[in-house]
Amino acid sequence: MTQRTDNPFMIAASALSEPYAALAGVAHLLAWPFRSISRAYRMRRTAMELENLDARTLRDIGIERMSINHIARASVDHPAADPRQAVTWR
């Protein structure tokens, strides 16, 4: 059931919200390449930082050298989770 209103502010807000919603959808669509590039950059930077650590430091934090790329990907995709728990081949 749609309510009819005579409030001019509500009518104006309703009329303005539709074009902005479409514009937001287009902006979201155009932004995905930049998000993808940013994700790849963060993942590579994380992997490089882990690769620069020596074997003892990696062992102390519970990371095997062969799982660095997997851990870098997991840390970028799920930053709140512990990426070491995502490694399945231990």
N, C-alpha and C. Protein backbone atom coordinates (compact mmCIF):
# COMPACT_ATOMS: atom_id res chain seq x y z
N MET A 1 0.85 -1.16 0.00
CA MET A 1 0.00 0.00 0.00
C MET A 1 0.90 1.24 0.00
N THR A 2 0.73 2.11 -0.92
CA THR A 2 1.52 3.32 -1.04
C THR A 2 0.78 4.48 -0.40
N GLN A 3 1.54 5.21 0.42
CA GLN A 3 0.93 6.38 1.05
C GLN A 3 1.14 7.58 0.14
N ARG A 4 0.14 8.37 0.05
CA ARG A 4 0.23 9.59 -0.74
C ARG A 4 0.52 10.73 0.21
N THR A 5 1.42 11.57 -0.18
CA THR A 5 1.77 12.70 0.68
C THR A 5 1.63 14.00 -0.10
N ASP A 6 1.29 15.04 0.61
CA ASP A 6 1.21 16.36 0.02
C ASP A 6 2.38 17.23 0.47
N ASN A 7 3.29 16.64 1.21
CA ASN A 7 4.45 17.36 1.70
C ASN A 7 5.42 17.59 0.53
N PRO A 8 5.69 18.85 0.17
CA PRO A 8 6.55 19.11 -0.99
C PRO A 8 7.99 18.62 -0.78
N PHE A 9 8.46 18.59 0.46
CA PHE A 9 9.82 18.10 0.72
C PHE A 9 9.92 16.60 0.47
N MET A 10 8.89 15.87 0.85
CA MET A 10 8.88 14.43 0.61
C MET A 10 8.79 14.14 -0.89
N ILE A 11 8.01 14.91 -1.61
CA ILE A 11 7.87 14.72 -3.05
C ILE A 11 9.22 15.01 -3.74
N ALA A 12 9.87 16.08 -3.33
CA ALA A 12 11.17 16.44 -3.91
C ALA A 12 12.22 15.38 -3.57
N ALA A 13 12.24 14.90 -2.35
CA ALA A 13 13.21 13.88 -1.96
C ALA A 13 13.00 12.60 -2.74
N SER A 14 11.76 12.24 -2.95
CA SER A 14 11.46 11.04 -3.72
C SER A 14 11.91 11.20 -5.18
N ALA A 15 11.67 12.36 -5.76
CA ALA A 15 12.04 12.60 -7.15
C ALA A 15 13.56 12.64 -7.32
N LEU A 16 14.27 13.14 -6.33
CA LEU A 16 15.73 13.24 -6.43
C LEU A 16 16.44 11.93 -6.13
N SER A 17 15.83 11.07 -5.35
CA SER A 17 16.52 9.85 -4.95
C SER A 17 16.71 8.88 -6.11
N GLU A 18 15.81 8.85 -7.06
CA GLU A 18 15.92 7.90 -8.17
C GLU A 18 17.13 8.15 -9.06
N PRO A 19 17.39 9.37 -9.52
CA PRO A 19 18.58 9.57 -10.36
C PRO A 19 19.88 9.32 -9.59
N TYR A 20 19.91 9.70 -8.32
CA TYR A 20 21.12 9.48 -7.54
C TYR A 20 21.38 8.00 -7.31
N ALA A 21 20.33 7.21 -7.18
CA ALA A 21 20.50 5.77 -7.03
C ALA A 21 21.10 5.19 -8.31
N ALA A 22 20.64 5.63 -9.45
CA ALA A 22 21.20 5.16 -10.72
C ALA A 22 22.65 5.61 -10.86
N LEU A 23 22.94 6.83 -10.47
CA LEU A 23 24.31 7.34 -10.54
C LEU A 23 25.23 6.56 -9.62
N ALA A 24 24.74 6.21 -8.44
CA ALA A 24 25.54 5.42 -7.51
C ALA A 24 25.83 4.04 -8.09
N GLY A 25 24.86 3.46 -8.78
CA GLY A 25 25.08 2.16 -9.42
C GLY A 25 26.14 2.23 -10.50
N VAL A 26 26.11 3.29 -11.30
CA VAL A 26 27.11 3.47 -12.36
C VAL A 26 28.49 3.70 -11.74
N ALA A 27 28.56 4.49 -10.70
CA ALA A 27 29.84 4.74 -10.04
C ALA A 27 30.41 3.46 -9.46
N HIS A 28 29.55 2.63 -8.87
CA HIS A 28 30.00 1.34 -8.33
C HIS A 28 30.54 0.45 -9.45
N LEU A 29 29.89 0.44 -10.59
CA LEU A 29 30.31 -0.36 -11.73
C LEU A 29 31.65 0.13 -12.28
N LEU A 30 31.84 1.43 -12.34
CA LEU A 30 33.08 1.98 -12.87
C LEU A 30 34.25 1.86 -11.90
N ALA A 31 33.97 1.68 -10.62
CA ALA A 31 35.03 1.64 -9.62
C ALA A 31 35.66 0.26 -9.47
N TRP A 32 35.04 -0.80 -9.99
CA TRP A 32 35.57 -2.14 -9.74
C TRP A 32 36.98 -2.35 -10.30
N PRO A 33 37.38 -1.77 -11.44
CA PRO A 33 38.78 -1.98 -11.86
C PRO A 33 39.78 -1.38 -10.87
N PHE A 34 39.43 -0.24 -10.28
CA PHE A 34 40.33 0.38 -9.32
C PHE A 34 40.41 -0.43 -8.03
N ARG A 35 39.27 -1.00 -7.62
CA ARG A 35 39.29 -1.86 -6.44
C ARG A 35 40.12 -3.11 -6.69
N SER A 36 40.04 -3.64 -7.89
CA SER A 36 40.79 -4.83 -8.25
C SER A 36 42.30 -4.54 -8.26
N ILE A 37 42.68 -3.42 -8.82
CA ILE A 37 44.09 -3.04 -8.85
C ILE A 37 44.60 -2.78 -7.44
N SER A 38 43.81 -2.13 -6.62
CA SER A 38 44.18 -1.86 -5.25
C SER A 38 44.35 -3.16 -4.46
N ARG A 39 43.45 -4.11 -4.68
CA ARG A 39 43.53 -5.41 -4.00
C ARG A 39 44.81 -6.14 -4.40
N ALA A 40 45.13 -6.15 -5.69
CA ALA A 40 46.33 -6.82 -6.16
C ALA A 40 47.59 -6.16 -5.59
N TYR A 41 47.59 -4.85 -5.51
CA TYR A 41 48.73 -4.12 -4.95
C TYR A 41 48.92 -4.47 -3.47
N ARG A 42 47.82 -4.46 -2.70
CA ARG A 42 47.93 -4.79 -1.27
C ARG A 42 48.39 -6.22 -1.07
N MET A 43 47.90 -7.14 -1.91
CA MET A 43 48.28 -8.53 -1.79
C MET A 43 49.78 -8.71 -2.10
N ARG A 44 50.25 -8.08 -3.17
CA ARG A 44 51.67 -8.19 -3.53
C ARG A 44 52.56 -7.55 -2.48
N ARG A 45 52.14 -6.40 -1.94
CA ARG A 45 52.93 -5.74 -0.91
C ARG A 45 53.03 -6.60 0.35
N THR A 46 51.93 -7.24 0.74
CA THR A 46 51.94 -8.13 1.89
C THR A 46 52.85 -9.32 1.65
N ALA A 47 52.77 -9.91 0.46
CA ALA A 47 53.63 -11.05 0.12
C ALA A 47 55.10 -10.65 0.14
N MET A 48 55.42 -9.48 -0.39
CA MET A 48 56.81 -9.02 -0.39
C MET A 48 57.34 -8.81 1.02
N GLU A 49 56.50 -8.26 1.89
CA GLU A 49 56.93 -8.06 3.28
C GLU A 49 57.21 -9.40 3.97
N LEU A 50 56.34 -10.38 3.71
CA LEU A 50 56.56 -11.70 4.32
C LEU A 50 57.77 -12.40 3.71
N GLU A 51 57.99 -12.24 2.42
CA GLU A 51 59.15 -12.85 1.77
C GLU A 51 60.46 -12.28 2.27
N ASN A 52 60.45 -11.03 2.74
CA ASN A 52 61.67 -10.40 3.25
C ASN A 52 62.04 -10.88 4.65
N LEU A 53 61.15 -11.59 5.32
CA LEU A 53 61.45 -12.10 6.66
C LEU A 53 62.33 -13.34 6.56
N ASP A 54 63.18 -13.53 7.57
CA ASP A 54 64.02 -14.74 7.57
C ASP A 54 63.22 -15.95 8.06
N ALA A 55 63.80 -17.13 7.88
CA ALA A 55 63.10 -18.38 8.18
C ALA A 55 62.71 -18.48 9.66
N ARG A 56 63.57 -17.99 10.54
CA ARG A 56 63.28 -18.07 11.97
C ARG A 56 62.08 -17.20 12.34
N THR A 57 62.01 -16.00 11.81
CA THR A 57 60.89 -15.11 12.10
C THR A 57 59.60 -15.69 11.56
N LEU A 58 59.64 -16.22 10.35
CA LEU A 58 58.45 -16.86 9.80
C LEU A 58 58.00 -18.04 10.66
N ARG A 59 58.94 -18.84 11.12
CA ARG A 59 58.60 -19.97 11.98
C ARG A 59 58.01 -19.48 13.31
N ASP A 60 58.54 -18.40 13.84
CA ASP A 60 58.03 -17.85 15.10
C ASP A 60 56.58 -17.39 14.99
N ILE A 61 56.20 -16.84 13.83
CA ILE A 61 54.82 -16.38 13.68
C ILE A 61 53.93 -17.45 13.06
N GLY A 62 54.49 -18.63 12.78
CA GLY A 62 53.68 -19.76 12.33
C GLY A 62 53.36 -19.77 10.85
N ILE A 63 54.29 -19.27 10.04
CA ILE A 63 54.07 -19.23 8.59
C ILE A 63 55.18 -20.02 7.90
N GLU A 64 54.78 -20.87 6.97
CA GLU A 64 55.75 -21.57 6.13
C GLU A 64 55.97 -20.75 4.86
N ARG A 65 57.19 -20.77 4.35
CA ARG A 65 57.51 -19.95 3.19
C ARG A 65 56.64 -20.30 1.98
N MET A 66 56.28 -21.56 1.82
CA MET A 66 55.48 -21.95 0.65
C MET A 66 54.04 -21.43 0.72
N SER A 67 53.59 -20.99 1.88
CA SER A 67 52.20 -20.51 2.02
C SER A 67 52.09 -18.99 2.05
N ILE A 68 53.15 -18.29 1.72
CA ILE A 68 53.15 -16.83 1.79
C ILE A 68 52.10 -16.22 0.86
N ASN A 69 52.03 -16.67 -0.39
CA ASN A 69 51.05 -16.09 -1.32
C ASN A 69 49.62 -16.35 -0.87
N HIS A 70 49.36 -17.54 -0.36
CA HIS A 70 48.02 -17.87 0.12
C HIS A 70 47.65 -16.99 1.32
N ILE A 71 48.59 -16.81 2.22
CA ILE A 71 48.35 -15.99 3.42
C ILE A 71 48.16 -14.52 3.02
N ALA A 72 48.94 -14.04 2.05
CA ALA A 72 48.78 -12.65 1.60
C ALA A 72 47.39 -12.44 1.00
N ARG A 73 46.91 -13.40 0.21
CA ARG A 73 45.59 -13.29 -0.40
C ARG A 73 44.51 -13.32 0.68
N ALA A 74 44.64 -14.23 1.65
CA ALA A 74 43.64 -14.34 2.71
C ALA A 74 43.63 -13.09 3.58
N SER A 75 44.80 -12.50 3.83
CA SER A 75 44.84 -11.32 4.70
C SER A 75 44.22 -10.10 4.02
N VAL A 76 44.28 -10.03 2.69
CA VAL A 76 43.67 -8.92 1.97
C VAL A 76 42.17 -9.13 1.84
N ASP A 77 41.75 -10.36 1.56
CA ASP A 77 40.33 -10.64 1.38
C ASP A 77 39.55 -10.64 2.69
N HIS A 78 40.18 -11.08 3.77
CA HIS A 78 39.52 -11.17 5.09
C HIS A 78 40.45 -10.62 6.16
N PRO A 79 40.59 -9.30 6.24
CA PRO A 79 41.59 -8.71 7.14
C PRO A 79 41.34 -8.96 8.62
N ALA A 80 40.11 -9.26 9.01
CA ALA A 80 39.83 -9.46 10.44
C ALA A 80 40.15 -10.89 10.88
N ALA A 81 40.28 -11.82 9.94
CA ALA A 81 40.53 -13.22 10.27
C ALA A 81 42.03 -13.49 10.33
N ASP A 82 42.41 -14.55 11.02
CA ASP A 82 43.81 -14.96 11.07
C ASP A 82 44.09 -15.79 9.81
N PRO A 83 44.88 -15.28 8.87
CA PRO A 83 45.08 -15.99 7.61
C PRO A 83 45.82 -17.31 7.76
N ARG A 84 46.54 -17.49 8.87
CA ARG A 84 47.25 -18.75 9.07
C ARG A 84 46.27 -19.91 9.26
N GLN A 85 45.06 -19.61 9.69
CA GLN A 85 44.05 -20.66 9.88
C GLN A 85 43.47 -21.13 8.56
N ALA A 86 43.63 -20.36 7.49
CA ALA A 86 43.06 -20.70 6.20
C ALA A 86 43.92 -21.67 5.41
N VAL A 87 45.16 -21.88 5.83
CA VAL A 87 46.07 -22.77 5.10
C VAL A 87 45.62 -24.20 5.34
N THR A 88 45.33 -24.93 4.25
CA THR A 88 44.75 -26.26 4.38
C THR A 88 45.77 -27.39 4.21
N TRP A 89 46.98 -27.11 3.73
CA TRP A 89 47.90 -28.19 3.44
C TRP A 89 48.95 -28.41 4.53
N ARG A 90 48.72 -27.92 5.71
CA ARG A 90 49.66 -28.13 6.82
C ARG A 90 49.56 -29.51 7.35
